[in-house]
Amino acid sequence: MKDIKPLGDRILVKILEEEEQVRDGIIIPDSAKEKSQEAEIIALGSGKKDSDGNRQEFDVSVGDKVLISKYGGTEVKLDGASHQLLREDDILGIIS
């Protein structure tokens, strides 16, 4: 697997695939499914700098399952799995 180290306040997440959807015995094709908003944090950047030049810590950590913005970030394929590079602001919440 390629290693990617996010820069600044960017975060690398792995998109968690949803289970196959079936409605009334009909399987919904992948092209009709919405993109999953659930992801797992794989790597964190160094953090955002404040106005004094100090690094701010992230509110999330590696391994957290999070809910991400539907249209935020940049999609990246690593070893056939769907990943996304996004800013901390694109994370909507932590899933417990």
PDB file of N, CA and C in Angstrom:
ATOM      1  N   MET A   1       0.844  -1.189   0.000  1.00  0.00           N
ATOM      2  CA  MET A   1       0.000   0.000   0.000  1.00  0.00           C
ATOM      3  C   MET A   1       0.880   1.240   0.000  1.00  0.00           C
ATOM      4  N   LYS A   2       0.460   2.211  -0.752  1.00  0.00           N
ATOM      5  CA  LYS A   2       1.155   3.496  -0.766  1.00  0.00           C
ATOM      6  C   LYS A   2       0.852   4.237   0.528  1.00  0.00           C
ATOM      7  N   ASP A   3       1.856   4.928   1.036  1.00  0.00           N
ATOM      8  CA  ASP A   3       1.650   5.755   2.219  1.00  0.00           C
ATOM      9  C   ASP A   3       1.419   7.189   1.783  1.00  0.00           C
ATOM     10  N   ILE A   4       0.391   7.797   2.322  1.00  0.00           N
ATOM     11  CA  ILE A   4       0.114   9.207   2.062  1.00  0.00           C
ATOM     12  C   ILE A   4       0.101   9.919   3.399  1.00  0.00           C
ATOM     13  N   LYS A   5       0.905  10.949   3.521  1.00  0.00           N
ATOM     14  CA  LYS A   5       0.938  11.790   4.721  1.00  0.00           C
ATOM     15  C   LYS A   5       0.239  13.101   4.370  1.00  0.00           C
ATOM     16  N   PRO A   6      -0.973  13.325   4.899  1.00  0.00           N
ATOM     17  CA  PRO A   6      -1.667  14.583   4.625  1.00  0.00           C
ATOM     18  C   PRO A   6      -0.877  15.777   5.157  1.00  0.00           C
ATOM     19  N   LEU A   7      -1.010  16.899   4.501  1.00  0.00           N
ATOM     20  CA  LEU A   7      -0.319  18.123   4.903  1.00  0.00           C
ATOM     21  C   LEU A   7      -1.288  19.083   5.598  1.00  0.00           C
ATOM     22  N   GLY A   8      -0.757  19.886   6.505  1.00  0.00           N
ATOM     23  CA  GLY A   8      -1.548  20.920   7.178  1.00  0.00           C
ATOM     24  C   GLY A   8      -2.745  20.352   7.912  1.00  0.00           C
ATOM     25  N   ASP A   9      -3.924  20.936   7.661  1.00  0.00           N
ATOM     26  CA  ASP A   9      -5.134  20.500   8.362  1.00  0.00           C
ATOM     27  C   ASP A   9      -5.924  19.469   7.563  1.00  0.00           C
ATOM     28  N   ARG A  10      -5.251  18.770   6.663  1.00  0.00           N
ATOM     29  CA  ARG A  10      -5.926  17.753   5.868  1.00  0.00           C
ATOM     30  C   ARG A  10      -5.918  16.400   6.586  1.00  0.00           C
ATOM     31  N   ILE A  11      -6.931  15.597   6.250  1.00  0.00           N
ATOM     32  CA  ILE A  11      -7.128  14.298   6.874  1.00  0.00           C
ATOM     33  C   ILE A  11      -7.409  13.278   5.778  1.00  0.00           C
ATOM     34  N   LEU A  12      -6.794  12.092   5.881  1.00  0.00           N
ATOM     35  CA  LEU A  12      -7.055  10.999   4.949  1.00  0.00           C
ATOM     36  C   LEU A  12      -8.051  10.052   5.610  1.00  0.00           C
ATOM     37  N   VAL A  13      -9.168   9.805   4.933  1.00  0.00           N
ATOM     38  CA  VAL A  13     -10.180   8.897   5.456  1.00  0.00           C
ATOM     39  C   VAL A  13     -10.462   7.796   4.440  1.00  0.00           C
ATOM     40  N   LYS A  14     -10.858   6.640   4.942  1.00  0.00           N
ATOM     41  CA  LYS A  14     -11.283   5.533   4.088  1.00  0.00           C
ATOM     42  C   LYS A  14     -12.801   5.516   4.121  1.00  0.00           C
ATOM     43  N   ILE A  15     -13.412   5.593   2.942  1.00  0.00           N
ATOM     44  CA  ILE A  15     -14.867   5.579   2.843  1.00  0.00           C
ATOM     45  C   ILE A  15     -15.359   4.183   3.212  1.00  0.00           C
ATOM     46  N   LEU A  16     -16.311   4.101   4.131  1.00  0.00           N
ATOM     47  CA  LEU A  16     -16.885   2.822   4.539  1.00  0.00           C
ATOM     48  C   LEU A  16     -18.026   2.489   3.588  1.00  0.00           C
ATOM     49  N   GLU A  17     -17.927   1.346   2.948  1.00  0.00           N
ATOM     50  CA  GLU A  17     -18.925   0.929   1.969  1.00  0.00           C
ATOM     51  C   GLU A  17     -20.222   0.545   2.668  1.00  0.00           C
ATOM     52  N   GLU A  18     -21.326   0.950   2.072  1.00  0.00           N
ATOM     53  CA  GLU A  18     -22.627   0.588   2.613  1.00  0.00           C
ATOM     54  C   GLU A  18     -22.978  -0.822   2.170  1.00  0.00           C
ATOM     55  N   GLU A  19     -23.824  -1.469   2.940  1.00  0.00           N
ATOM     56  CA  GLU A  19     -24.281  -2.797   2.562  1.00  0.00           C
ATOM     57  C   GLU A  19     -25.156  -2.688   1.323  1.00  0.00           C
ATOM     58  N   GLU A  20     -25.236  -3.795   0.584  1.00  0.00           N
ATOM     59  CA  GLU A  20     -26.026  -3.815  -0.646  1.00  0.00           C
ATOM     60  C   GLU A  20     -27.489  -3.513  -0.326  1.00  0.00           C
ATOM     61  N   GLN A  21     -28.059  -2.573  -1.078  1.00  0.00           N
ATOM     62  CA  GLN A  21     -29.434  -2.166  -0.835  1.00  0.00           C
ATOM     63  C   GLN A  21     -30.389  -3.003  -1.676  1.00  0.00           C
ATOM     64  N   VAL A  22     -31.427  -3.524  -1.037  1.00  0.00           N
ATOM     65  CA  VAL A  22     -32.443  -4.290  -1.740  1.00  0.00           C
ATOM     66  C   VAL A  22     -33.799  -3.703  -1.368  1.00  0.00           C
ATOM     67  N   ARG A  23     -34.587  -3.394  -2.373  1.00  0.00           N
ATOM     68  CA  ARG A  23     -35.937  -2.870  -2.139  1.00  0.00           C
ATOM     69  C   ARG A  23     -36.930  -3.746  -2.891  1.00  0.00           C
ATOM     70  N   ASP A  24     -37.850  -4.337  -2.172  1.00  0.00           N
ATOM     71  CA  ASP A  24     -38.880  -5.192  -2.770  1.00  0.00           C
ATOM     72  C   ASP A  24     -38.273  -6.258  -3.675  1.00  0.00           C
ATOM     73  N   GLY A  25     -37.123  -6.823  -3.267  1.00  0.00           N
ATOM     74  CA  GLY A  25     -36.484  -7.886  -4.033  1.00  0.00           C
ATOM     75  C   GLY A  25     -35.645  -7.394  -5.193  1.00  0.00           C
ATOM     76  N   ILE A  26     -35.558  -6.083  -5.391  1.00  0.00           N
ATOM     77  CA  ILE A  26     -34.764  -5.523  -6.485  1.00  0.00           C
ATOM     78  C   ILE A  26     -33.467  -4.979  -5.917  1.00  0.00           C
ATOM     79  N   ILE A  27     -32.340  -5.402  -6.485  1.00  0.00           N
ATOM     80  CA  ILE A  27     -31.034  -4.929  -6.037  1.00  0.00           C
ATOM     81  C   ILE A  27     -30.754  -3.590  -6.708  1.00  0.00           C
ATOM     82  N   ILE A  28     -30.417  -2.585  -5.903  1.00  0.00           N
ATOM     83  CA  ILE A  28     -30.108  -1.251  -6.422  1.00  0.00           C
ATOM     84  C   ILE A  28     -28.679  -1.280  -6.980  1.00  0.00           C
ATOM     85  N   PRO A  29     -28.470  -0.929  -8.261  1.00  0.00           N
ATOM     86  CA  PRO A  29     -27.118  -0.949  -8.827  1.00  0.00           C
ATOM     87  C   PRO A  29     -26.226   0.129  -8.209  1.00  0.00           C
ATOM     88  N   ASP A  30     -24.901  -0.101  -8.261  1.00  0.00           N
ATOM     89  CA  ASP A  30     -23.938   0.843  -7.691  1.00  0.00           C
ATOM     90  C   ASP A  30     -24.092   2.243  -8.267  1.00  0.00           C
ATOM     91  N   SER A  31     -24.438   2.339  -9.541  1.00  0.00           N
ATOM     92  CA  SER A  31     -24.548   3.659 -10.169  1.00  0.00           C
ATOM     93  C   SER A  31     -25.712   4.475  -9.610  1.00  0.00           C
ATOM     94  N   ALA A  32     -26.690   3.818  -9.005  1.00  0.00           N
ATOM     95  CA  ALA A  32     -27.851   4.533  -8.453  1.00  0.00           C
ATOM     96  C   ALA A  32     -27.715   4.816  -6.963  1.00  0.00           C
ATOM     97  N   LYS A  33     -26.678   4.253  -6.338  1.00  0.00           N
ATOM     98  CA  LYS A  33     -26.489   4.455  -4.906  1.00  0.00           C
ATOM     99  C   LYS A  33     -25.832   5.805  -4.642  1.00  0.00           C
ATOM    100  N   GLU A  34     -26.185   6.389  -3.514  1.00  0.00           N
ATOM    101  CA  GLU A  34     -25.521   7.622  -3.095  1.00  0.00           C
ATOM    102  C   GLU A  34     -24.176   7.282  -2.471  1.00  0.00           C
ATOM    103  N   LYS A  35     -23.237   8.204  -2.576  1.00  0.00           N
ATOM    104  CA  LYS A  35     -21.928   8.017  -1.976  1.00  0.00           C
ATOM    105  C   LYS A  35     -22.065   7.996  -0.455  1.00  0.00           C
ATOM    106  N   SER A  36     -21.385   7.045   0.177  1.00  0.00           N
ATOM    107  CA  SER A  36     -21.442   6.928   1.629  1.00  0.00           C
ATOM    108  C   SER A  36     -20.798   8.145   2.283  1.00  0.00           C
ATOM    109  N   GLN A  37     -21.369   8.588   3.384  1.00  0.00           N
ATOM    110  CA  GLN A  37     -20.816   9.707   4.139  1.00  0.00           C
ATOM    111  C   GLN A  37     -20.094   9.232   5.396  1.00  0.00           C
ATOM    112  N   GLU A  38     -20.050   7.911   5.605  1.00  0.00           N
ATOM    113  CA  GLU A  38     -19.348   7.362   6.755  1.00  0.00           C
ATOM    114  C   GLU A  38     -17.933   6.990   6.336  1.00  0.00           C
ATOM    115  N   ALA A  39     -16.961   7.338   7.200  1.00  0.00           N
ATOM    116  CA  ALA A  39     -15.558   7.074   6.878  1.00  0.00           C
ATOM    117  C   ALA A  39     -14.777   6.807   8.160  1.00  0.00           C
ATOM    118  N   GLU A  40     -13.602   6.190   7.976  1.00  0.00           N
ATOM    119  CA  GLU A  40     -12.692   5.945   9.090  1.00  0.00           C
ATOM    120  C   GLU A  40     -11.416   6.734   8.848  1.00  0.00           C
ATOM    121  N   ILE A  41     -10.929   7.408   9.867  1.00  0.00           N
ATOM    122  CA  ILE A  41      -9.726   8.230   9.726  1.00  0.00           C
ATOM    123  C   ILE A  41      -8.498   7.328   9.673  1.00  0.00           C
ATOM    124  N   ILE A  42      -7.699   7.503   8.618  1.00  0.00           N
ATOM    125  CA  ILE A  42      -6.499   6.701   8.386  1.00  0.00           C
ATOM    126  C   ILE A  42      -5.243   7.472   8.796  1.00  0.00           C
ATOM    127  N   ALA A  43      -5.175   8.773   8.457  1.00  0.00           N
ATOM    128  CA  ALA A  43      -3.985   9.578   8.775  1.00  0.00           C
ATOM    129  C   ALA A  43      -4.375  11.035   8.952  1.00  0.00           C
ATOM    130  N   LEU A  44      -3.613  11.731   9.795  1.00  0.00           N
ATOM    131  CA  LEU A  44      -3.831  13.158  10.059  1.00  0.00           C
ATOM    132  C   LEU A  44      -2.619  13.952   9.598  1.00  0.00           C
ATOM    133  N   GLY A  45      -2.857  15.180   9.149  1.00  0.00           N
ATOM    134  CA  GLY A  45      -1.767  16.088   8.813  1.00  0.00           C
ATOM    135  C   GLY A  45      -1.142  16.651  10.085  1.00  0.00           C
ATOM    136  N   SER A  46      -0.369  17.700   9.930  1.00  0.00           N
ATOM    137  CA  SER A  46       0.324  18.289  11.086  1.00  0.00           C
ATOM    138  C   SER A  46      -0.558  19.240  11.877  1.00  0.00           C
ATOM    139  N   GLY A  47      -1.677  19.656  11.323  1.00  0.00           N
ATOM    140  CA  GLY A  47      -2.598  20.546  12.028  1.00  0.00           C
ATOM    141  C   GLY A  47      -2.602  21.946  11.434  1.00  0.00           C
ATOM    142  N   LYS A  48      -3.663  22.660  11.691  1.00  0.00           N
ATOM    143  CA  LYS A  48      -3.838  24.027  11.199  1.00  0.00           C
ATOM    144  C   LYS A  48      -3.049  24.988  12.084  1.00  0.00           C
ATOM    145  N   LYS A  49      -2.503  26.036  11.476  1.00  0.00           N
ATOM    146  CA  LYS A  49      -1.795  27.064  12.253  1.00  0.00           C
ATOM    147  C   LYS A  49      -2.760  28.184  12.610  1.00  0.00           C
ATOM    148  N   ASP A  50      -2.655  28.666  13.860  1.00  0.00           N
ATOM    149  CA  ASP A  50      -3.473  29.804  14.259  1.00  0.00           C
ATOM    150  C   ASP A  50      -2.766  31.101  13.871  1.00  0.00           C
ATOM    151  N   SER A  51      -3.325  32.233  14.251  1.00  0.00           N
ATOM    152  CA  SER A  51      -2.769  33.530  13.854  1.00  0.00           C
ATOM    153  C   SER A  51      -1.376  33.788  14.428  1.00  0.00           C
ATOM    154  N   ASP A  52      -1.022  33.103  15.524  1.00  0.00           N
ATOM    155  CA  ASP A  52       0.310  33.262  16.124  1.00  0.00           C
ATOM    156  C   ASP A  52       1.326  32.279  15.554  1.00  0.00           C
ATOM    157  N   GLY A  53       0.900  31.399  14.656  1.00  0.00           N
ATOM    158  CA  GLY A  53       1.796  30.418  14.066  1.00  0.00           C
ATOM    159  C   GLY A  53       1.887  29.113  14.833  1.00  0.00           C
ATOM    160  N   ASN A  54       1.067  28.956  15.873  1.00  0.00           N
ATOM    161  CA  ASN A  54       1.056  27.716  16.660  1.00  0.00           C
ATOM    162  C   ASN A  54       0.133  26.696  16.010  1.00  0.00           C
ATOM    163  N   ARG A  55       0.512  25.427  16.076  1.00  0.00           N
ATOM    164  CA  ARG A  55      -0.315  24.349  15.524  1.00  0.00           C
ATOM    165  C   ARG A  55      -1.478  24.035  16.459  1.00  0.00           C
ATOM    166  N   GLN A  56      -2.658  23.883  15.878  1.00  0.00           N
ATOM    167  CA  GLN A  56      -3.840  23.497  16.638  1.00  0.00           C
ATOM    168  C   GLN A  56      -4.022  21.987  16.514  1.00  0.00           C
ATOM    169  N   GLU A  57      -4.387  21.339  17.605  1.00  0.00           N
ATOM    170  CA  GLU A  57      -4.621  19.900  17.585  1.00  0.00           C
ATOM    171  C   GLU A  57      -5.944  19.595  16.891  1.00  0.00           C
ATOM    172  N   PHE A  58      -6.026  18.399  16.319  1.00  0.00           N
ATOM    173  CA  PHE A  58      -7.263  17.948  15.699  1.00  0.00           C
ATOM    174  C   PHE A  58      -8.261  17.523  16.779  1.00  0.00           C
ATOM    175  N   ASP A  59      -9.556  17.651  16.474  1.00  0.00           N
ATOM    176  CA  ASP A  59     -10.608  17.186  17.379  1.00  0.00           C
ATOM    177  C   ASP A  59     -10.883  15.698  17.187  1.00  0.00           C
ATOM    178  N   VAL A  60     -10.275  15.104  16.165  1.00  0.00           N
ATOM    179  CA  VAL A  60     -10.448  13.685  15.849  1.00  0.00           C
ATOM    180  C   VAL A  60      -9.090  12.996  15.913  1.00  0.00           C
ATOM    181  N   SER A  61      -9.101  11.659  15.926  1.00  0.00           N
ATOM    182  CA  SER A  61      -7.842  10.920  15.939  1.00  0.00           C
ATOM    183  C   SER A  61      -7.933   9.736  14.981  1.00  0.00           C
ATOM    184  N   VAL A  62      -6.786   9.153  14.656  1.00  0.00           N
ATOM    185  CA  VAL A  62      -6.726   8.011  13.757  1.00  0.00           C
ATOM    186  C   VAL A  62      -7.569   6.881  14.334  1.00  0.00           C
ATOM    187  N   GLY A  63      -8.393   6.265  13.485  1.00  0.00           N
ATOM    188  CA  GLY A  63      -9.261   5.167  13.904  1.00  0.00           C
ATOM    189  C   GLY A  63     -10.684   5.589  14.188  1.00  0.00           C
ATOM    190  N   ASP A  64     -10.934   6.888  14.369  1.00  0.00           N
ATOM    191  CA  ASP A  64     -12.299   7.372  14.604  1.00  0.00           C
ATOM    192  C   ASP A  64     -13.161   7.127  13.373  1.00  0.00           C
ATOM    193  N   LYS A  65     -14.418   6.759  13.594  1.00  0.00           N
ATOM    194  CA  LYS A  65     -15.391   6.682  12.507  1.00  0.00           C
ATOM    195  C   LYS A  65     -16.136   8.008  12.513  1.00  0.00           C
ATOM    196  N   VAL A  66     -16.219   8.635  11.341  1.00  0.00           N
ATOM    197  CA  VAL A  66     -16.769   9.984  11.250  1.00  0.00           C
ATOM    198  C   VAL A  66     -17.809  10.082  10.136  1.00  0.00           C
ATOM    199  N   LEU A  67     -18.605  11.123  10.216  1.00  0.00           N
ATOM    200  CA  LEU A  67     -19.561  11.481   9.186  1.00  0.00           C
ATOM    201  C   LEU A  67     -18.971  12.663   8.441  1.00  0.00           C
ATOM    202  N   ILE A  68     -18.821  12.526   7.115  1.00  0.00           N
ATOM    203  CA  ILE A  68     -18.167  13.578   6.341  1.00  0.00           C
ATOM    204  C   ILE A  68     -19.156  14.287   5.422  1.00  0.00           C
ATOM    205  N   SER A  69     -18.783  15.485   5.017  1.00  0.00           N
ATOM    206  CA  SER A  69     -19.579  16.274   4.095  1.00  0.00           C
ATOM    207  C   SER A  69     -19.719  15.526   2.767  1.00  0.00           C
ATOM    208  N   LYS A  70     -20.882  15.607   2.170  1.00  0.00           N
ATOM    209  CA  LYS A  70     -21.165  14.862   0.945  1.00  0.00           C
ATOM    210  C   LYS A  70     -20.273  15.286  -0.226  1.00  0.00           C
ATOM    211  N   TYR A  71     -19.980  16.568  -0.333  1.00  0.00           N
ATOM    212  CA  TYR A  71     -19.239  17.058  -1.502  1.00  0.00           C
ATOM    213  C   TYR A  71     -17.867  17.618  -1.157  1.00  0.00           C
ATOM    214  N   GLY A  72     -17.364  17.377   0.046  1.00  0.00           N
ATOM    215  CA  GLY A  72     -16.065  17.909   0.446  1.00  0.00           C
ATOM    216  C   GLY A  72     -14.925  16.982   0.066  1.00  0.00           C
ATOM    217  N   GLY A  73     -13.742  17.532  -0.019  1.00  0.00           N
ATOM    218  CA  GLY A  73     -12.539  16.741  -0.207  1.00  0.00           C
ATOM    219  C   GLY A  73     -12.277  16.286  -1.626  1.00  0.00           C
ATOM    220  N   THR A  74     -11.208  15.494  -1.759  1.00  0.00           N
ATOM    221  CA  THR A  74     -10.767  14.969  -3.043  1.00  0.00           C
ATOM    222  C   THR A  74     -10.686  13.450  -2.949  1.00  0.00           C
ATOM    223  N   GLU A  75     -11.350  12.761  -3.874  1.00  0.00           N
ATOM    224  CA  GLU A  75     -11.359  11.306  -3.856  1.00  0.00           C
ATOM    225  C   GLU A  75     -10.035  10.754  -4.361  1.00  0.00           C
ATOM    226  N   VAL A  76      -9.537   9.713  -3.665  1.00  0.00           N
ATOM    227  CA  VAL A  76      -8.275   9.070  -4.009  1.00  0.00           C
ATOM    228  C   VAL A  76      -8.494   7.567  -3.936  1.00  0.00           C
ATOM    229  N   LYS A  77      -7.984   6.807  -4.918  1.00  0.00           N
ATOM    230  CA  LYS A  77      -8.066   5.346  -4.885  1.00  0.00           C
ATOM    231  C   LYS A  77      -6.720   4.804  -4.435  1.00  0.00           C
ATOM    232  N   LEU A  78      -6.712   4.006  -3.364  1.00  0.00           N
ATOM    233  CA  LEU A  78      -5.510   3.356  -2.858  1.00  0.00           C
ATOM    234  C   LEU A  78      -5.780   1.870  -2.740  1.00  0.00           C
ATOM    235  N   ASP A  79      -5.024   1.067  -3.469  1.00  0.00           N
ATOM    236  CA  ASP A  79      -5.191  -0.391  -3.444  1.00  0.00           C
ATOM    237  C   ASP A  79      -6.635  -0.803  -3.701  1.00  0.00           C
ATOM    238  N   GLY A  80      -7.303  -0.114  -4.605  1.00  0.00           N
ATOM    239  CA  GLY A  80      -8.667  -0.459  -4.983  1.00  0.00           C
ATOM    240  C   GLY A  80      -9.741   0.029  -4.026  1.00  0.00           C
ATOM    241  N   ALA A  81      -9.351   0.605  -2.899  1.00  0.00           N
ATOM    242  CA  ALA A  81     -10.329   1.107  -1.928  1.00  0.00           C
ATOM    243  C   ALA A  81     -10.508   2.610  -2.108  1.00  0.00           C
ATOM    244  N   SER A  82     -11.697   3.090  -1.848  1.00  0.00           N
ATOM    245  CA  SER A  82     -12.007   4.502  -2.007  1.00  0.00           C
ATOM    246  C   SER A  82     -11.620   5.275  -0.747  1.00  0.00           C
ATOM    247  N   HIS A  83     -10.733   6.249  -0.911  1.00  0.00           N
ATOM    248  CA  HIS A  83     -10.292   7.114   0.181  1.00  0.00           C
ATOM    249  C   HIS A  83     -10.602   8.560  -0.200  1.00  0.00           C
ATOM    250  N   GLN A  84     -10.516   9.442   0.770  1.00  0.00           N
ATOM    251  CA  GLN A  84     -10.758  10.851   0.504  1.00  0.00           C
ATOM    252  C   GLN A  84      -9.816  11.694   1.360  1.00  0.00           C
ATOM    253  N   LEU A  85      -9.241  12.718   0.734  1.00  0.00           N
ATOM    254  CA  LEU A  85      -8.442  13.716   1.446  1.00  0.00           C
ATOM    255  C   LEU A  85      -9.340  14.925   1.650  1.00  0.00           C
ATOM    256  N   LEU A  86      -9.506  15.334   2.903  1.00  0.00           N
ATOM    257  CA  LEU A  86     -10.377  16.471   3.173  1.00  0.00           C
ATOM    258  C   LEU A  86      -9.850  17.284   4.337  1.00  0.00           C
ATOM    259  N   ARG A  87     -10.397  18.461   4.510  1.00  0.00           N
ATOM    260  CA  ARG A  87     -10.018  19.325   5.628  1.00  0.00           C
ATOM    261  C   ARG A  87     -10.855  18.947   6.848  1.00  0.00           C
ATOM    262  N   GLU A  88     -10.350  19.305   8.014  1.00  0.00           N
ATOM    263  CA  GLU A  88     -11.075  18.984   9.250  1.00  0.00           C
ATOM    264  C   GLU A  88     -12.469  19.611   9.232  1.00  0.00           C
ATOM    265  N   ASP A  89     -12.637  20.750   8.581  1.00  0.00           N
ATOM    266  CA  ASP A  89     -13.938  21.418   8.505  1.00  0.00           C
ATOM    267  C   ASP A  89     -14.975  20.584   7.765  1.00  0.00           C
ATOM    268  N   ASP A  90     -14.530  19.625   6.924  1.00  0.00           N
ATOM    269  CA  ASP A  90     -15.456  18.776   6.172  1.00  0.00           C
ATOM    270  C   ASP A  90     -15.983  17.605   6.994  1.00  0.00           C
ATOM    271  N   ILE A  91     -15.485  17.450   8.221  1.00  0.00           N
ATOM    272  CA  ILE A  91     -15.996  16.394   9.108  1.00  0.00           C
ATOM    273  C   ILE A  91     -17.140  16.967   9.919  1.00  0.00           C
ATOM    274  N   LEU A  92     -18.285  16.299   9.813  1.00  0.00           N
ATOM    275  CA  LEU A  92     -19.504  16.789  10.456  1.00  0.00           C
ATOM    276  C   LEU A  92     -19.667  16.277  11.882  1.00  0.00           C
ATOM    277  N   GLY A  93     -19.122  15.087  12.160  1.00  0.00           N
ATOM    278  CA  GLY A  93     -19.249  14.549  13.505  1.00  0.00           C
ATOM    279  C   GLY A  93     -18.560  13.202  13.634  1.00  0.00           C
ATOM    280  N   ILE A  94     -18.371  12.770  14.874  1.00  0.00           N
ATOM    281  CA  ILE A  94     -17.776  11.476  15.171  1.00  0.00           C
ATOM    282  C   ILE A  94     -18.902  10.497  15.469  1.00  0.00           C
ATOM    283  N   ILE A  95     -18.840   9.311  14.863  1.00  0.00           N
ATOM    284  CA  ILE A  95     -19.859   8.288  15.073  1.00  0.00           C
ATOM    285  C   ILE A  95     -19.410   7.421  16.244  1.00  0.00           C
ATOM    286  N   SER A  96     -20.267   7.300  17.236  1.00  0.00           N
ATOM    287  CA  SER A  96     -19.887   6.485  18.414  1.00  0.00           C
ATOM    288  C   SER A  96     -20.482   5.097  18.338  1.00  0.00           C
TER     289      SER A  96
END
